[in-house]
Amino acid sequence: MNWLESLQQFRDNNPDLPEGNDPAPDTTADTDSPKRHPRLDIYLEKKGRGGKTATLISGWEYDDGRLLEIAATLKQKLGVGGSARGGDILIQGDNRQKVLDHLTAMGYKARII
């Protein structure tokens, strides 16, 4: 007899016990939720880009595949180019406020630095 069966038998023998939560924890929680990740930093970078500006988003804890999906969504919503590599997303141009608005709408915590 495993411990769950033993617990159920104990509950059956003691009907005056208050009802508790299910003894098995819920393992179906979404671990890929934006709320489970730390705050993202959004900043402007000009160096090494031939004078052109780029908005960088750092602080991601996703793998490269998931990062590419998020970057594609942002690029499409903003109508600009960009890339995702090395744990950062790069968006062409100075789009810090727009990126912050879209990330907040997607459920991420972000700040402009």
C-alpha atoms as a PDB file:
ATOM      1  CA  MET A   1       0.000   0.000   0.000  1.00  0.00           C
ATOM      2  CA  ASN A   2       1.405   3.389  -0.949  1.00  0.00           C
ATOM      3  CA  TRP A   3       1.165   6.492   1.221  1.00  0.00           C
ATOM      4  CA  LEU A   4      -1.858   7.910  -0.646  1.00  0.00           C
ATOM      5  CA  GLU A   5      -3.865   4.748  -0.009  1.00  0.00           C
ATOM      6  CA  SER A   6      -2.711   4.769   3.587  1.00  0.00           C
ATOM      7  CA  LEU A   7      -3.796   8.397   3.977  1.00  0.00           C
ATOM      8  CA  GLN A   8      -7.196   7.670   2.432  1.00  0.00           C
ATOM      9  CA  GLN A   9      -7.682   4.734   4.764  1.00  0.00           C
ATOM     10  CA  PHE A  10      -6.807   6.983   7.712  1.00  0.00           C
ATOM     11  CA  ARG A  11      -9.351   9.566   6.535  1.00  0.00           C
ATOM     12  CA  ASP A  12     -12.016   6.875   6.128  1.00  0.00           C
ATOM     13  CA  ASN A  13     -11.406   5.644   9.683  1.00  0.00           C
ATOM     14  CA  ASN A  14     -11.564   9.196  11.104  1.00  0.00           C
ATOM     15  CA  PRO A  15     -14.615  10.929   9.575  1.00  0.00           C
ATOM     16  CA  ASP A  16     -14.448  13.846  12.047  1.00  0.00           C
ATOM     17  CA  LEU A  17     -11.222  15.165  10.493  1.00  0.00           C
ATOM     18  CA  PRO A  18     -11.627  18.433   8.594  1.00  0.00           C
ATOM     19  CA  GLU A  19     -11.355  18.269   4.830  1.00  0.00           C
ATOM     20  CA  GLY A  20      -7.945  19.378   3.639  1.00  0.00           C
ATOM     21  CA  ASN A  21      -6.367  20.069   0.313  1.00  0.00           C
ATOM     22  CA  ASP A  22      -5.438  17.329  -2.096  1.00  0.00           C
ATOM     23  CA  PRO A  23      -2.203  15.789  -0.790  1.00  0.00           C
ATOM     24  CA  ALA A  24      -0.689  15.679  -4.259  1.00  0.00           C
ATOM     25  CA  PRO A  25       0.751  19.049  -5.321  1.00  0.00           C
ATOM     26  CA  ASP A  26      -0.366  20.552  -8.607  1.00  0.00           C
ATOM     27  CA  THR A  27       2.519  19.983 -11.014  1.00  0.00           C
ATOM     28  CA  THR A  28       0.635  21.321 -14.025  1.00  0.00           C
ATOM     29  CA  ALA A  29       1.509  24.951 -13.231  1.00  0.00           C
ATOM     30  CA  ASP A  30       2.860  26.910 -16.175  1.00  0.00           C
ATOM     31  CA  THR A  31       6.605  27.291 -15.499  1.00  0.00           C
ATOM     32  CA  ASP A  32       6.982  29.358 -18.675  1.00  0.00           C
ATOM     33  CA  SER A  33       4.741  32.121 -17.383  1.00  0.00           C
ATOM     34  CA  PRO A  34       6.047  35.699 -17.712  1.00  0.00           C
ATOM     35  CA  LYS A  35       5.306  36.307 -14.038  1.00  0.00           C
ATOM     36  CA  ARG A  36       7.842  33.675 -13.019  1.00  0.00           C
ATOM     37  CA  HIS A  37      10.742  35.561 -14.600  1.00  0.00           C
ATOM     38  CA  PRO A  38      12.733  38.479 -13.212  1.00  0.00           C
ATOM     39  CA  ARG A  39      12.411  42.051 -14.390  1.00  0.00           C
ATOM     40  CA  LEU A  40      13.728  42.804 -17.858  1.00  0.00           C
ATOM     41  CA  ASP A  41      15.982  45.768 -18.614  1.00  0.00           C
ATOM     42  CA  ILE A  42      15.349  47.870 -21.718  1.00  0.00           C
ATOM     43  CA  TYR A  43      18.106  50.212 -22.817  1.00  0.00           C
ATOM     44  CA  LEU A  44      19.418  52.106 -25.829  1.00  0.00           C
ATOM     45  CA  GLU A  45      22.723  51.236 -27.444  1.00  0.00           C
ATOM     46  CA  LYS A  46      24.643  53.181 -30.099  1.00  0.00           C
ATOM     47  CA  LYS A  47      28.195  51.903 -29.822  1.00  0.00           C
ATOM     48  CA  GLY A  48      29.514  49.614 -32.547  1.00  0.00           C
ATOM     49  CA  ARG A  49      26.526  50.097 -34.815  1.00  0.00           C
ATOM     50  CA  GLY A  50      27.798  52.740 -37.211  1.00  0.00           C
ATOM     51  CA  GLY A  51      25.905  55.518 -35.437  1.00  0.00           C
ATOM     52  CA  LYS A  52      22.579  53.702 -35.593  1.00  0.00           C
ATOM     53  CA  THR A  53      20.561  53.126 -32.439  1.00  0.00           C
ATOM     54  CA  ALA A  54      19.202  49.865 -31.172  1.00  0.00           C
ATOM     55  CA  THR A  55      16.909  48.977 -28.285  1.00  0.00           C
ATOM     56  CA  LEU A  56      18.216  46.035 -26.273  1.00  0.00           C
ATOM     57  CA  ILE A  57      16.157  43.899 -23.907  1.00  0.00           C
ATOM     58  CA  SER A  58      18.188  41.842 -21.445  1.00  0.00           C
ATOM     59  CA  GLY A  59      17.435  39.640 -18.462  1.00  0.00           C
ATOM     60  CA  TRP A  60      15.711  36.756 -20.254  1.00  0.00           C
ATOM     61  CA  GLU A  61      15.876  33.258 -18.803  1.00  0.00           C
ATOM     62  CA  TYR A  62      14.432  31.481 -21.847  1.00  0.00           C
ATOM     63  CA  ASP A  63      16.185  29.229 -24.315  1.00  0.00           C
ATOM     64  CA  ASP A  64      17.007  30.606 -27.772  1.00  0.00           C
ATOM     65  CA  GLY A  65      13.912  29.082 -29.395  1.00  0.00           C
ATOM     66  CA  ARG A  66      11.481  30.819 -27.026  1.00  0.00           C
ATOM     67  CA  LEU A  67      13.501  34.039 -27.281  1.00  0.00           C
ATOM     68  CA  LEU A  68      13.186  33.985 -31.074  1.00  0.00           C
ATOM     69  CA  GLU A  69       9.392  33.648 -30.762  1.00  0.00           C
ATOM     70  CA  ILE A  70       9.153  36.641 -28.432  1.00  0.00           C
ATOM     71  CA  ALA A  71      11.460  38.688 -30.670  1.00  0.00           C
ATOM     72  CA  ALA A  72       9.358  37.845 -33.731  1.00  0.00           C
ATOM     73  CA  THR A  73       6.203  38.960 -31.916  1.00  0.00           C
ATOM     74  CA  LEU A  74       7.774  42.254 -30.848  1.00  0.00           C
ATOM     75  CA  LYS A  75       9.206  42.953 -34.298  1.00  0.00           C
ATOM     76  CA  GLN A  76       5.848  42.301 -35.914  1.00  0.00           C
ATOM     77  CA  LYS A  77       3.946  44.510 -33.472  1.00  0.00           C
ATOM     78  CA  LEU A  78       6.458  47.339 -33.813  1.00  0.00           C
ATOM     79  CA  GLY A  79       7.025  46.983 -37.551  1.00  0.00           C
ATOM     80  CA  VAL A  80      10.812  47.011 -37.218  1.00  0.00           C
ATOM     81  CA  GLY A  81      13.738  44.651 -37.648  1.00  0.00           C
ATOM     82  CA  GLY A  82      15.786  43.000 -34.970  1.00  0.00           C
ATOM     83  CA  SER A  83      17.293  39.784 -33.714  1.00  0.00           C
ATOM     84  CA  ALA A  84      17.580  37.524 -30.680  1.00  0.00           C
ATOM     85  CA  ARG A  85      20.836  35.947 -29.633  1.00  0.00           C
ATOM     86  CA  GLY A  86      22.994  35.485 -26.594  1.00  0.00           C
ATOM     87  CA  GLY A  87      20.075  35.863 -24.207  1.00  0.00           C
ATOM     88  CA  ASP A  88      19.160  39.369 -25.458  1.00  0.00           C
ATOM     89  CA  ILE A  89      16.631  40.736 -27.912  1.00  0.00           C
ATOM     90  CA  LEU A  90      17.705  43.583 -30.183  1.00  0.00           C
ATOM     91  CA  ILE A  91      15.114  45.862 -31.783  1.00  0.00           C
ATOM     92  CA  GLN A  92      16.253  48.368 -34.397  1.00  0.00           C
ATOM     93  CA  GLY A  93      15.807  52.040 -33.549  1.00  0.00           C
ATOM     94  CA  ASP A  94      14.894  53.880 -30.365  1.00  0.00           C
ATOM     95  CA  ASN A  95      11.705  52.031 -29.410  1.00  0.00           C
ATOM     96  CA  ARG A  96      12.186  51.832 -25.655  1.00  0.00           C
ATOM     97  CA  GLN A  97       8.743  53.085 -24.625  1.00  0.00           C
ATOM     98  CA  LYS A  98       6.900  51.017 -27.246  1.00  0.00           C
ATOM     99  CA  VAL A  99       8.826  47.894 -26.240  1.00  0.00           C
ATOM    100  CA  LEU A 100       8.004  48.549 -22.583  1.00  0.00           C
ATOM    101  CA  ASP A 101       4.315  48.951 -23.423  1.00  0.00           C
ATOM    102  CA  HIS A 102       4.197  45.715 -25.427  1.00  0.00           C
ATOM    103  CA  LEU A 103       6.157  43.695 -22.853  1.00  0.00           C
ATOM    104  CA  THR A 104       3.891  44.944 -20.076  1.00  0.00           C
ATOM    105  CA  ALA A 105       0.849  43.962 -22.146  1.00  0.00           C
ATOM    106  CA  MET A 106       2.394  40.503 -22.592  1.00  0.00           C
ATOM    107  CA  GLY A 107       2.692  40.139 -18.795  1.00  0.00           C
ATOM    108  CA  TYR A 108       6.419  40.787 -18.308  1.00  0.00           C
ATOM    109  CA  LYS A 109       7.946  43.086 -15.724  1.00  0.00           C
ATOM    110  CA  ALA A 110      10.296  45.509 -17.442  1.00  0.00           C
ATOM    111  CA  ARG A 111      11.959  48.850 -16.892  1.00  0.00           C
ATOM    112  CA  ILE A 112      13.792  51.384 -19.031  1.00  0.00           C
ATOM    113  CA  ILE A 113      17.312  52.082 -17.824  1.00  0.00           C
END
